[in-house]
Amino acid sequence: NIAVANRVDLGAAISDALVETQDVTVITELLNNTSAAIREETLD
């Protein structure tokens, strides 16, 4: 999941799935990936 979270231009649906894992390390990697699309509701 960390490898997935580091993909360039990650789609919002994939970001949602990563957040749903509730894995703090994975979500941190996702947030650090500035090219990943994250829905506003997910960010909230």
PDB file of all heavy atoms in Angstrom:
ATOM      1  N   ASN A   1       0.817  -1.213   0.000  1.00  0.00           N
ATOM      2  CA  ASN A   1       0.000   0.000   0.000  1.00  0.00           C
ATOM      3  C   ASN A   1       0.854   1.268   0.000  1.00  0.00           C
ATOM      4  O   ASN A   1       0.457   2.285  -0.573  1.00  0.00           O
ATOM      5  CB  ASN A   1      -0.944  -0.015   1.202  1.00  0.00           C
ATOM      6  CG  ASN A   1      -2.023  -1.082   1.063  1.00  0.00           C
ATOM      7  OD1 ASN A   1      -2.272  -1.569  -0.034  1.00  0.00           O
ATOM      8  ND2 ASN A   1      -2.649  -1.450   2.159  1.00  0.00           N
ATOM      9  N   ILE A   2       2.026   1.216   0.624  1.00  0.00           N
ATOM     10  CA  ILE A   2       2.944   2.355   0.563  1.00  0.00           C
ATOM     11  C   ILE A   2       3.405   2.569  -0.877  1.00  0.00           C
ATOM     12  O   ILE A   2       3.500   3.707  -1.350  1.00  0.00           O
ATOM     13  CB  ILE A   2       4.143   2.130   1.498  1.00  0.00           C
ATOM     14  CG1 ILE A   2       3.717   2.324   2.960  1.00  0.00           C
ATOM     15  CG2 ILE A   2       5.296   3.078   1.166  1.00  0.00           C
ATOM     16  CD1 ILE A   2       4.799   1.979   3.957  1.00  0.00           C
ATOM     17  N   ALA A   3       3.699   1.477  -1.577  1.00  0.00           N
ATOM     18  CA  ALA A   3       4.112   1.589  -2.983  1.00  0.00           C
ATOM     19  C   ALA A   3       2.994   2.209  -3.820  1.00  0.00           C
ATOM     20  O   ALA A   3       3.241   3.083  -4.656  1.00  0.00           O
ATOM     21  CB  ALA A   3       4.490   0.216  -3.531  1.00  0.00           C
ATOM     22  N   VAL A   4       1.763   1.770  -3.595  1.00  0.00           N
ATOM     23  CA  VAL A   4       0.623   2.348  -4.319  1.00  0.00           C
ATOM     24  C   VAL A   4       0.490   3.830  -3.987  1.00  0.00           C
ATOM     25  O   VAL A   4       0.272   4.668  -4.879  1.00  0.00           O
ATOM     26  CB  VAL A   4      -0.686   1.604  -3.971  1.00  0.00           C
ATOM     27  CG1 VAL A   4      -1.883   2.309  -4.610  1.00  0.00           C
ATOM     28  CG2 VAL A   4      -0.621   0.146  -4.429  1.00  0.00           C
ATOM     29  N   ALA A   5       0.636   4.176  -2.706  1.00  0.00           N
ATOM     30  CA  ALA A   5       0.458   5.568  -2.267  1.00  0.00           C
ATOM     31  C   ALA A   5       1.477   6.509  -2.896  1.00  0.00           C
ATOM     32  O   ALA A   5       1.248   7.720  -2.955  1.00  0.00           O
ATOM     33  CB  ALA A   5       0.554   5.641  -0.747  1.00  0.00           C
ATOM     34  N   ASN A   6       2.576   5.971  -3.408  1.00  0.00           N
ATOM     35  CA  ASN A   6       3.621   6.813  -3.998  1.00  0.00           C
ATOM     36  C   ASN A   6       3.528   6.923  -5.514  1.00  0.00           C
ATOM     37  O   ASN A   6       4.395   7.542  -6.138  1.00  0.00           O
ATOM     38  CB  ASN A   6       5.003   6.280  -3.602  1.00  0.00           C
ATOM     39  CG  ASN A   6       5.416   6.733  -2.211  1.00  0.00           C
ATOM     40  OD1 ASN A   6       5.864   7.855  -2.024  1.00  0.00           O
ATOM     41  ND2 ASN A   6       5.231   5.868  -1.228  1.00  0.00           N
ATOM     42  N   ARG A   7       2.488   6.344  -6.116  1.00  0.00           N
ATOM     43  CA  ARG A   7       2.339   6.463  -7.572  1.00  0.00           C
ATOM     44  C   ARG A   7       2.018   7.904  -7.961  1.00  0.00           C
ATOM     45  O   ARG A   7       1.311   8.619  -7.247  1.00  0.00           O
ATOM     46  CB  ARG A   7       1.223   5.541  -8.074  1.00  0.00           C
ATOM     47  CG  ARG A   7       1.630   4.090  -8.152  1.00  0.00           C
ATOM     48  CD  ARG A   7       0.464   3.213  -8.594  1.00  0.00           C
ATOM     49  NE  ARG A   7       0.004   3.514  -9.933  1.00  0.00           N
ATOM     50  CZ  ARG A   7       0.490   2.969 -11.054  1.00  0.00           C
ATOM     51  NH1 ARG A   7       1.481   2.092 -10.978  1.00  0.00           N
ATOM     52  NH2 ARG A   7      -0.001   3.287 -12.227  1.00  0.00           N
ATOM     53  N   VAL A   8       2.522   8.317  -9.102  1.00  0.00           N
ATOM     54  CA  VAL A   8       2.264   9.668  -9.602  1.00  0.00           C
ATOM     55  C   VAL A   8       0.827   9.760 -10.110  1.00  0.00           C
ATOM     56  O   VAL A   8       0.306   8.826 -10.725  1.00  0.00           O
ATOM     57  CB  VAL A   8       3.263  10.024 -10.727  1.00  0.00           C
ATOM     58  CG1 VAL A   8       2.928  11.374 -11.350  1.00  0.00           C
ATOM     59  CG2 VAL A   8       4.685  10.024 -10.185  1.00  0.00           C
ATOM     60  N   ASP A   9       0.184  10.897  -9.829  1.00  0.00           N
ATOM     61  CA  ASP A   9      -1.175  11.179 -10.315  1.00  0.00           C
ATOM     62  C   ASP A   9      -2.175  10.107  -9.892  1.00  0.00           C
ATOM     63  O   ASP A   9      -2.998   9.648 -10.689  1.00  0.00           O
ATOM     64  CB  ASP A   9      -1.184  11.344 -11.837  1.00  0.00           C
ATOM     65  CG  ASP A   9      -0.348  12.529 -12.300  1.00  0.00           C
ATOM     66  OD1 ASP A   9      -0.254  13.503 -11.538  1.00  0.00           O
ATOM     67  OD2 ASP A   9       0.206  12.472 -13.408  1.00  0.00           O
ATOM     68  N   LEU A  10      -2.101   9.722  -8.648  1.00  0.00           N
ATOM     69  CA  LEU A  10      -3.024   8.717  -8.117  1.00  0.00           C
ATOM     70  C   LEU A  10      -4.445   9.252  -8.134  1.00  0.00           C
ATOM     71  O   LEU A  10      -4.690  10.412  -7.797  1.00  0.00           O
ATOM     72  CB  LEU A  10      -2.608   8.381  -6.679  1.00  0.00           C
ATOM     73  CG  LEU A  10      -2.976   7.016  -6.123  1.00  0.00           C
ATOM     74  CD1 LEU A  10      -2.327   5.912  -6.937  1.00  0.00           C
ATOM     75  CD2 LEU A  10      -2.525   6.917  -4.669  1.00  0.00           C
ATOM     76  N   GLY A  11      -5.402   8.403  -8.533  1.00  0.00           N
ATOM     77  CA  GLY A  11      -6.803   8.817  -8.603  1.00  0.00           C
ATOM     78  C   GLY A  11      -7.463   8.873  -7.242  1.00  0.00           C
ATOM     79  O   GLY A  11      -7.028   8.225  -6.287  1.00  0.00           O
ATOM     80  N   ALA A  12      -8.555   9.631  -7.154  1.00  0.00           N
ATOM     81  CA  ALA A  12      -9.250   9.821  -5.878  1.00  0.00           C
ATOM     82  C   ALA A  12      -9.818   8.512  -5.337  1.00  0.00           C
ATOM     83  O   ALA A  12      -9.842   8.293  -4.119  1.00  0.00           O
ATOM     84  CB  ALA A  12     -10.358  10.851  -6.043  1.00  0.00           C
ATOM     85  N   ALA A  13     -10.286   7.636  -6.213  1.00  0.00           N
ATOM     86  CA  ALA A  13     -10.853   6.363  -5.753  1.00  0.00           C
ATOM     87  C   ALA A  13      -9.781   5.505  -5.075  1.00  0.00           C
ATOM     88  O   ALA A  13     -10.052   4.839  -4.066  1.00  0.00           O
ATOM     89  CB  ALA A  13     -11.473   5.607  -6.925  1.00  0.00           C
ATOM     90  N   ILE A  14      -8.577   5.538  -5.624  1.00  0.00           N
ATOM     91  CA  ILE A  14      -7.483   4.772  -5.020  1.00  0.00           C
ATOM     92  C   ILE A  14      -7.079   5.412  -3.689  1.00  0.00           C
ATOM     93  O   ILE A  14      -6.804   4.710  -2.706  1.00  0.00           O
ATOM     94  CB  ILE A  14      -6.272   4.707  -5.975  1.00  0.00           C
ATOM     95  CG1 ILE A  14      -6.689   4.151  -7.342  1.00  0.00           C
ATOM     96  CG2 ILE A  14      -5.178   3.838  -5.368  1.00  0.00           C
ATOM     97  CD1 ILE A  14      -7.333   2.795  -7.285  1.00  0.00           C
ATOM     98  N   SER A  15      -7.049   6.739  -3.642  1.00  0.00           N
ATOM     99  CA  SER A  15      -6.734   7.425  -2.384  1.00  0.00           C
ATOM    100  C   SER A  15      -7.749   7.055  -1.310  1.00  0.00           C
ATOM    101  O   SER A  15      -7.384   6.804  -0.154  1.00  0.00           O
ATOM    102  CB  SER A  15      -6.717   8.939  -2.599  1.00  0.00           C
ATOM    103  OG  SER A  15      -5.678   9.320  -3.476  1.00  0.00           O
ATOM    104  N   ASP A  16      -9.024   7.013  -1.675  1.00  0.00           N
ATOM    105  CA  ASP A  16     -10.056   6.619  -0.712  1.00  0.00           C
ATOM    106  C   ASP A  16      -9.794   5.219  -0.167  1.00  0.00           C
ATOM    107  O   ASP A  16      -9.921   4.968   1.041  1.00  0.00           O
ATOM    108  CB  ASP A  16     -11.441   6.660  -1.369  1.00  0.00           C
ATOM    109  CG  ASP A  16     -12.000   8.070  -1.467  1.00  0.00           C
ATOM    110  OD1 ASP A  16     -11.457   8.970  -0.786  1.00  0.00           O
ATOM    111  OD2 ASP A  16     -12.980   8.272  -2.208  1.00  0.00           O
ATOM    112  N   ALA A  17      -9.443   4.308  -1.060  1.00  0.00           N
ATOM    113  CA  ALA A  17      -9.188   2.927  -0.634  1.00  0.00           C
ATOM    114  C   ALA A  17      -7.995   2.859   0.321  1.00  0.00           C
ATOM    115  O   ALA A  17      -7.999   2.093   1.288  1.00  0.00           O
ATOM    116  CB  ALA A  17      -8.936   2.040  -1.854  1.00  0.00           C
ATOM    117  N   LEU A  18      -6.971   3.659   0.064  1.00  0.00           N
ATOM    118  CA  LEU A  18      -5.805   3.682   0.953  1.00  0.00           C
ATOM    119  C   LEU A  18      -6.171   4.247   2.322  1.00  0.00           C
ATOM    120  O   LEU A  18      -5.721   3.751   3.357  1.00  0.00           O
ATOM    121  CB  LEU A  18      -4.682   4.506   0.324  1.00  0.00           C
ATOM    122  CG  LEU A  18      -4.017   3.891  -0.915  1.00  0.00           C
ATOM    123  CD1 LEU A  18      -3.098   4.898  -1.588  1.00  0.00           C
ATOM    124  CD2 LEU A  18      -3.227   2.636  -0.541  1.00  0.00           C
ATOM    125  N   VAL A  19      -6.988   5.293   2.336  1.00  0.00           N
ATOM    126  CA  VAL A  19      -7.418   5.877   3.615  1.00  0.00           C
ATOM    127  C   VAL A  19      -8.259   4.878   4.398  1.00  0.00           C
ATOM    128  O   VAL A  19      -8.172   4.793   5.630  1.00  0.00           O
ATOM    129  CB  VAL A  19      -8.199   7.188   3.367  1.00  0.00           C
ATOM    130  CG1 VAL A  19      -8.847   7.685   4.661  1.00  0.00           C
ATOM    131  CG2 VAL A  19      -7.273   8.254   2.798  1.00  0.00           C
ATOM    132  N   GLU A  20      -9.055   4.094   3.693  1.00  0.00           N
ATOM    133  CA  GLU A  20      -9.910   3.113   4.359  1.00  0.00           C
ATOM    134  C   GLU A  20      -9.124   2.002   5.042  1.00  0.00           C
ATOM    135  O   GLU A  20      -9.656   1.294   5.897  1.00  0.00           O
ATOM    136  CB  GLU A  20     -10.896   2.513   3.349  1.00  0.00           C
ATOM    137  CG  GLU A  20     -12.007   3.478   2.948  1.00  0.00           C
ATOM    138  CD  GLU A  20     -12.832   2.974   1.775  1.00  0.00           C
ATOM    139  OE1 GLU A  20     -12.618   1.810   1.357  1.00  0.00           O
ATOM    140  OE2 GLU A  20     -13.657   3.738   1.258  1.00  0.00           O
ATOM    141  N   THR A  21      -7.841   1.842   4.693  1.00  0.00           N
ATOM    142  CA  THR A  21      -7.024   0.844   5.389  1.00  0.00           C
ATOM    143  C   THR A  21      -6.759   1.256   6.839  1.00  0.00           C
ATOM    144  O   THR A  21      -6.403   0.418   7.661  1.00  0.00           O
ATOM    145  CB  THR A  21      -5.664   0.645   4.694  1.00  0.00           C
ATOM    146  OG1 THR A  21      -4.876   1.843   4.807  1.00  0.00           O
ATOM    147  CG2 THR A  21      -5.836   0.276   3.228  1.00  0.00           C
ATOM    148  N   GLN A  22      -6.907   2.556   7.126  1.00  0.00           N
ATOM    149  CA  GLN A  22      -6.654   3.106   8.460  1.00  0.00           C
ATOM    150  C   GLN A  22      -5.217   2.855   8.926  1.00  0.00           C
ATOM    151  O   GLN A  22      -4.938   2.852  10.119  1.00  0.00           O
ATOM    152  CB  GLN A  22      -7.660   2.552   9.478  1.00  0.00           C
ATOM    153  CG  GLN A  22      -9.100   2.870   9.135  1.00  0.00           C
ATOM    154  CD  GLN A  22     -10.086   2.353  10.175  1.00  0.00           C
ATOM    155  OE1 GLN A  22      -9.746   2.198  11.338  1.00  0.00           O
ATOM    156  NE2 GLN A  22     -11.307   2.098   9.750  1.00  0.00           N
ATOM    157  N   ASP A  23      -4.336   2.653   7.982  1.00  0.00           N
ATOM    158  CA  ASP A  23      -2.919   2.456   8.291  1.00  0.00           C
ATOM    159  C   ASP A  23      -2.241   3.830   8.318  1.00  0.00           C
ATOM    160  O   ASP A  23      -2.151   4.510   7.283  1.00  0.00           O
ATOM    161  CB  ASP A  23      -2.273   1.557   7.222  1.00  0.00           C
ATOM    162  CG  ASP A  23      -0.853   1.146   7.565  1.00  0.00           C
ATOM    163  OD1 ASP A  23      -0.080   2.015   7.999  1.00  0.00           O
ATOM    164  OD2 ASP A  23      -0.520  -0.038   7.396  1.00  0.00           O
ATOM    165  N   VAL A  24      -1.773   4.247   9.483  1.00  0.00           N
ATOM    166  CA  VAL A  24      -1.226   5.595   9.647  1.00  0.00           C
ATOM    167  C   VAL A  24      -0.035   5.831   8.713  1.00  0.00           C
ATOM    168  O   VAL A  24       0.084   6.891   8.097  1.00  0.00           O
ATOM    169  CB  VAL A  24      -0.797   5.829  11.113  1.00  0.00           C
ATOM    170  CG1 VAL A  24      -0.087   7.178  11.264  1.00  0.00           C
ATOM    171  CG2 VAL A  24      -2.013   5.776  12.030  1.00  0.00           C
ATOM    172  N   THR A  25       0.835   4.839   8.583  1.00  0.00           N
ATOM    173  CA  THR A  25       2.021   4.986   7.726  1.00  0.00           C
ATOM    174  C   THR A  25       1.625   5.144   6.267  1.00  0.00           C
ATOM    175  O   THR A  25       2.171   5.996   5.547  1.00  0.00           O
ATOM    176  CB  THR A  25       2.950   3.772   7.879  1.00  0.00           C
ATOM    177  OG1 THR A  25       3.280   3.604   9.252  1.00  0.00           O
ATOM    178  CG2 THR A  25       4.222   3.956   7.074  1.00  0.00           C
ATOM    179  N   VAL A  26       0.682   4.355   5.822  1.00  0.00           N
ATOM    180  CA  VAL A  26       0.220   4.431   4.430  1.00  0.00           C
ATOM    181  C   VAL A  26      -0.418   5.789   4.156  1.00  0.00           C
ATOM    182  O   VAL A  26      -0.151   6.430   3.126  1.00  0.00           O
ATOM    183  CB  VAL A  26      -0.780   3.292   4.134  1.00  0.00           C
ATOM    184  CG1 VAL A  26      -1.431   3.487   2.766  1.00  0.00           C
ATOM    185  CG2 VAL A  26      -0.091   1.942   4.204  1.00  0.00           C
ATOM    186  N   ILE A  27      -1.251   6.248   5.067  1.00  0.00           N
ATOM    187  CA  ILE A  27      -1.934   7.528   4.874  1.00  0.00           C
ATOM    188  C   ILE A  27      -0.935   8.684   4.887  1.00  0.00           C
ATOM    189  O   ILE A  27      -1.074   9.650   4.131  1.00  0.00           O
ATOM    190  CB  ILE A  27      -3.029   7.718   5.946  1.00  0.00           C
ATOM    191  CG1 ILE A  27      -4.114   6.650   5.771  1.00  0.00           C
ATOM    192  CG2 ILE A  27      -3.651   9.104   5.853  1.00  0.00           C
ATOM    193  CD1 ILE A  27      -5.147   6.602   6.878  1.00  0.00           C
ATOM    194  N   THR A  28       0.106   8.568   5.716  1.00  0.00           N
ATOM    195  CA  THR A  28       1.147   9.593   5.723  1.00  0.00           C
ATOM    196  C   THR A  28       1.835   9.665   4.365  1.00  0.00           C
ATOM    197  O   THR A  28       2.085  10.763   3.832  1.00  0.00           O
ATOM    198  CB  THR A  28       2.193   9.291   6.816  1.00  0.00           C
ATOM    199  OG1 THR A  28       1.536   9.197   8.089  1.00  0.00           O
ATOM    200  CG2 THR A  28       3.242  10.385   6.887  1.00  0.00           C
ATOM    201  N   GLU A  29       2.160   8.511   3.785  1.00  0.00           N
ATOM    202  CA  GLU A  29       2.775   8.489   2.448  1.00  0.00           C
ATOM    203  C   GLU A  29       1.843   9.103   1.411  1.00  0.00           C
ATOM    204  O   GLU A  29       2.275   9.849   0.532  1.00  0.00           O
ATOM    205  CB  GLU A  29       3.110   7.045   2.054  1.00  0.00           C
ATOM    206  CG  GLU A  29       4.220   6.413   2.876  1.00  0.00           C
ATOM    207  CD  GLU A  29       5.583   7.007   2.587  1.00  0.00           C
ATOM    208  OE1 GLU A  29       5.819   7.442   1.446  1.00  0.00           O
ATOM    209  OE2 GLU A  29       6.400   7.053   3.523  1.00  0.00           O
ATOM    210  N   LEU A  30       0.560   8.800   1.510  1.00  0.00           N
ATOM    211  CA  LEU A  30      -0.421   9.354   0.574  1.00  0.00           C
ATOM    212  C   LEU A  30      -0.459  10.873   0.683  1.00  0.00           C
ATOM    213  O   LEU A  30      -0.459  11.584  -0.332  1.00  0.00           O
ATOM    214  CB  LEU A  30      -1.798   8.758   0.863  1.00  0.00           C
ATOM    215  CG  LEU A  30      -2.969   9.342   0.053  1.00  0.00           C
ATOM    216  CD1 LEU A  30      -2.814   9.017  -1.429  1.00  0.00           C
ATOM    217  CD2 LEU A  30      -4.299   8.807   0.584  1.00  0.00           C
ATOM    218  N   LEU A  31      -0.517  11.392   1.902  1.00  0.00           N
ATOM    219  CA  LEU A  31      -0.585  12.842   2.096  1.00  0.00           C
ATOM    220  C   LEU A  31       0.677  13.529   1.583  1.00  0.00           C
ATOM    221  O   LEU A  31       0.619  14.668   1.110  1.00  0.00           O
ATOM    222  CB  LEU A  31      -0.802  13.163   3.572  1.00  0.00           C
ATOM    223  CG  LEU A  31      -2.174  12.798   4.138  1.00  0.00           C
ATOM    224  CD1 LEU A  31      -2.209  13.018   5.640  1.00  0.00           C
ATOM    225  CD2 LEU A  31      -3.278  13.604   3.464  1.00  0.00           C
ATOM    226  N   ASN A  32       1.808  12.857   1.693  1.00  0.00           N
ATOM    227  CA  ASN A  32       3.061  13.429   1.192  1.00  0.00           C
ATOM    228  C   ASN A  32       3.151  13.399  -0.334  1.00  0.00           C
ATOM    229  O   ASN A  32       4.019  14.062  -0.911  1.00  0.00           O
ATOM    230  CB  ASN A  32       4.258  12.686   1.793  1.00  0.00           C
ATOM    231  CG  ASN A  32       4.608  13.183   3.186  1.00  0.00           C
ATOM    232  OD1 ASN A  32       4.699  14.379   3.411  1.00  0.00           O
ATOM    233  ND2 ASN A  32       4.790  12.273   4.132  1.00  0.00           N
ATOM    234  N   ASN A  33       2.291  12.618  -0.976  1.00  0.00           N
ATOM    235  CA  ASN A  33       2.267  12.536  -2.437  1.00  0.00           C
ATOM    236  C   ASN A  33       1.384  13.673  -2.957  1.00  0.00           C
ATOM    237  O   ASN A  33       0.170  13.544  -3.055  1.00  0.00           O
ATOM    238  CB  ASN A  33       1.718  11.179  -2.875  1.00  0.00           C
ATOM    239  CG  ASN A  33       1.702  11.011  -4.384  1.00  0.00           C
ATOM    240  OD1 ASN A  33       2.001  11.950  -5.141  1.00  0.00           O
ATOM    241  ND2 ASN A  33       1.326   9.835  -4.851  1.00  0.00           N
ATOM    242  N   THR A  34       1.995  14.790  -3.269  1.00  0.00           N
ATOM    243  CA  THR A  34       1.220  15.971  -3.660  1.00  0.00           C
ATOM    244  C   THR A  34       0.526  15.815  -5.009  1.00  0.00           C
ATOM    245  O   THR A  34      -0.347  16.614  -5.363  1.00  0.00           O
ATOM    246  CB  THR A  34       2.117  17.225  -3.696  1.00  0.00           C
ATOM    247  OG1 THR A  34       3.231  16.991  -4.567  1.00  0.00           O
ATOM    248  CG2 THR A  34       2.637  17.564  -2.307  1.00  0.00           C
ATOM    249  N   SER A  35       0.888  14.793  -5.779  1.00  0.00           N
ATOM    250  CA  SER A  35       0.214  14.575  -7.069  1.00  0.00           C
ATOM    251  C   SER A  35      -1.027  13.702  -6.919  1.00  0.00           C
ATOM    252  O   SER A  35      -1.786  13.543  -7.884  1.00  0.00           O
ATOM    253  CB  SER A  35       1.181  13.924  -8.073  1.00  0.00           C
ATOM    254  OG  SER A  35       1.411  12.561  -7.743  1.00  0.00           O
ATOM    255  N   ALA A  36      -1.237  13.133  -5.736  1.00  0.00           N
ATOM    256  CA  ALA A  36      -2.394  12.259  -5.519  1.00  0.00           C
ATOM    257  C   ALA A  36      -3.656  13.096  -5.338  1.00  0.00           C
ATOM    258  O   ALA A  36      -3.671  14.067  -4.580  1.00  0.00           O
ATOM    259  CB  ALA A  36      -2.172  11.384  -4.291  1.00  0.00           C
ATOM    260  N   ALA A  37      -4.714  12.697  -6.029  1.00  0.00           N
ATOM    261  CA  ALA A  37      -6.006  13.370  -5.871  1.00  0.00           C
ATOM    262  C   ALA A  37      -6.703  12.809  -4.632  1.00  0.00           C
ATOM    263  O   ALA A  37      -6.825  11.592  -4.484  1.00  0.00           O
ATOM    264  CB  ALA A  37      -6.871  13.155  -7.106  1.00  0.00           C
ATOM    265  N   ILE A  38      -7.146  13.697  -3.746  1.00  0.00           N
ATOM    266  CA  ILE A  38      -7.850  13.295  -2.530  1.00  0.00           C
ATOM    267  C   ILE A  38      -9.141  14.088  -2.444  1.00  0.00           C
ATOM    268  O   ILE A  38      -9.117  15.320  -2.508  1.00  0.00           O
ATOM    269  CB  ILE A  38      -6.994  13.525  -1.265  1.00  0.00           C
ATOM    270  CG1 ILE A  38      -5.653  12.794  -1.375  1.00  0.00           C
ATOM    271  CG2 ILE A  38      -7.741  13.073  -0.022  1.00  0.00           C
ATOM    272  CD1 ILE A  38      -4.732  13.011  -0.185  1.00  0.00           C
ATOM    273  N   ARG A  39     -10.258  13.396  -2.328  1.00  0.00           N
ATOM    274  CA  ARG A  39     -11.544  14.084  -2.253  1.00  0.00           C
ATOM    275  C   ARG A  39     -11.590  14.994  -1.030  1.00  0.00           C
ATOM    276  O   ARG A  39     -10.998  14.712   0.008  1.00  0.00           O
ATOM    277  CB  ARG A  39     -12.691  13.069  -2.162  1.00  0.00           C
ATOM    278  CG  ARG A  39     -12.792  12.122  -3.334  1.00  0.00           C
ATOM    279  CD  ARG A  39     -14.032  11.255  -3.184  1.00  0.00           C
ATOM    280  NE  ARG A  39     -13.856   9.970  -3.834  1.00  0.00           N
ATOM    281  CZ  ARG A  39     -14.053   9.742  -5.137  1.00  0.00           C
ATOM    282  NH1 ARG A  39     -14.406  10.746  -5.916  1.00  0.00           N
ATOM    283  NH2 ARG A  39     -13.874   8.543  -5.642  1.00  0.00           N
ATOM    284  N   GLU A  40     -12.339  16.086  -1.165  1.00  0.00           N
ATOM    285  CA  GLU A  40     -12.444  17.045  -0.068  1.00  0.00           C
ATOM    286  C   GLU A  40     -13.042  16.400   1.178  1.00  0.00           C
ATOM    287  O   GLU A  40     -12.599  16.657   2.301  1.00  0.00           O
ATOM    288  CB  GLU A  40     -13.303  18.245  -0.498  1.00  0.00           C
ATOM    289  CG  GLU A  40     -13.251  19.393   0.490  1.00  0.00           C
ATOM    290  CD  GLU A  40     -13.893  20.655  -0.047  1.00  0.00           C
ATOM    291  OE1 GLU A  40     -14.159  20.727  -1.267  1.00  0.00           O
ATOM    292  OE2 GLU A  40     -14.145  21.565   0.759  1.00  0.00           O
ATOM    293  N   GLU A  41     -14.020  15.509   0.979  1.00  0.00           N
ATOM    294  CA  GLU A  41     -14.647  14.837   2.131  1.00  0.00           C
ATOM    295  C   GLU A  41     -13.632  13.942   2.847  1.00  0.00           C
ATOM    296  O   GLU A  41     -13.606  13.857   4.082  1.00  0.00           O
ATOM    297  CB  GLU A  41     -15.845  13.996   1.687  1.00  0.00           C
ATOM    298  CG  GLU A  41     -16.988  14.803   1.089  1.00  0.00           C
ATOM    299  CD  GLU A  41     -16.765  15.151  -0.379  1.00  0.00           C
ATOM    300  OE1 GLU A  41     -15.694  14.797  -0.933  1.00  0.00           O
ATOM    301  OE2 GLU A  41     -17.655  15.801  -0.968  1.00  0.00           O
ATOM    302  N   THR A  42     -12.785  13.273   2.053  1.00  0.00           N
ATOM    303  CA  THR A  42     -11.747  12.411   2.641  1.00  0.00           C
ATOM    304  C   THR A  42     -10.736  13.249   3.398  1.00  0.00           C
ATOM    305  O   THR A  42     -10.316  12.898   4.510  1.00  0.00           O
ATOM    306  CB  THR A  42     -11.038  11.611   1.531  1.00  0.00           C
ATOM    307  OG1 THR A  42     -12.015  10.855   0.798  1.00  0.00           O
ATOM    308  CG2 THR A  42     -10.009  10.674   2.112  1.00  0.00           C
ATOM    309  N   LEU A  43     -10.352  14.387   2.822  1.00  0.00           N
ATOM    310  CA  LEU A  43      -9.396  15.278   3.471  1.00  0.00           C
ATOM    311  C   LEU A  43      -9.972  15.819   4.777  1.00  0.00           C
ATOM    312  O   LEU A  43      -9.256  15.916   5.788  1.00  0.00           O
ATOM    313  CB  LEU A  43      -9.048  16.425   2.518  1.00  0.00           C
ATOM    314  CG  LEU A  43      -7.659  17.058   2.651  1.00  0.00           C
ATOM    315  CD1 LEU A  43      -6.568  16.020   2.457  1.00  0.00           C
ATOM    316  CD2 LEU A  43      -7.501  18.188   1.660  1.00  0.00           C
ATOM    317  N   ASP A  44     -11.252  16.139   4.770  1.00  0.00           N
ATOM    318  CA  ASP A  44     -11.900  16.633   5.996  1.00  0.00           C
ATOM    319  C   ASP A  44     -11.804  15.602   7.114  1.00  0.00           C
ATOM    320  O   ASP A  44     -11.553  15.944   8.275  1.00  0.00           O
ATOM    321  CB  ASP A  44     -13.376  16.962   5.727  1.00  0.00           C
ATOM    322  CG  ASP A  44     -13.547  18.215   4.871  1.00  0.00           C
ATOM    323  OD1 ASP A  44     -12.573  18.974   4.750  1.00  0.00           O
ATOM    324  OD2 ASP A  44     -14.643  18.413   4.325  1.00  0.00           O
TER     325      ASP A  44
END
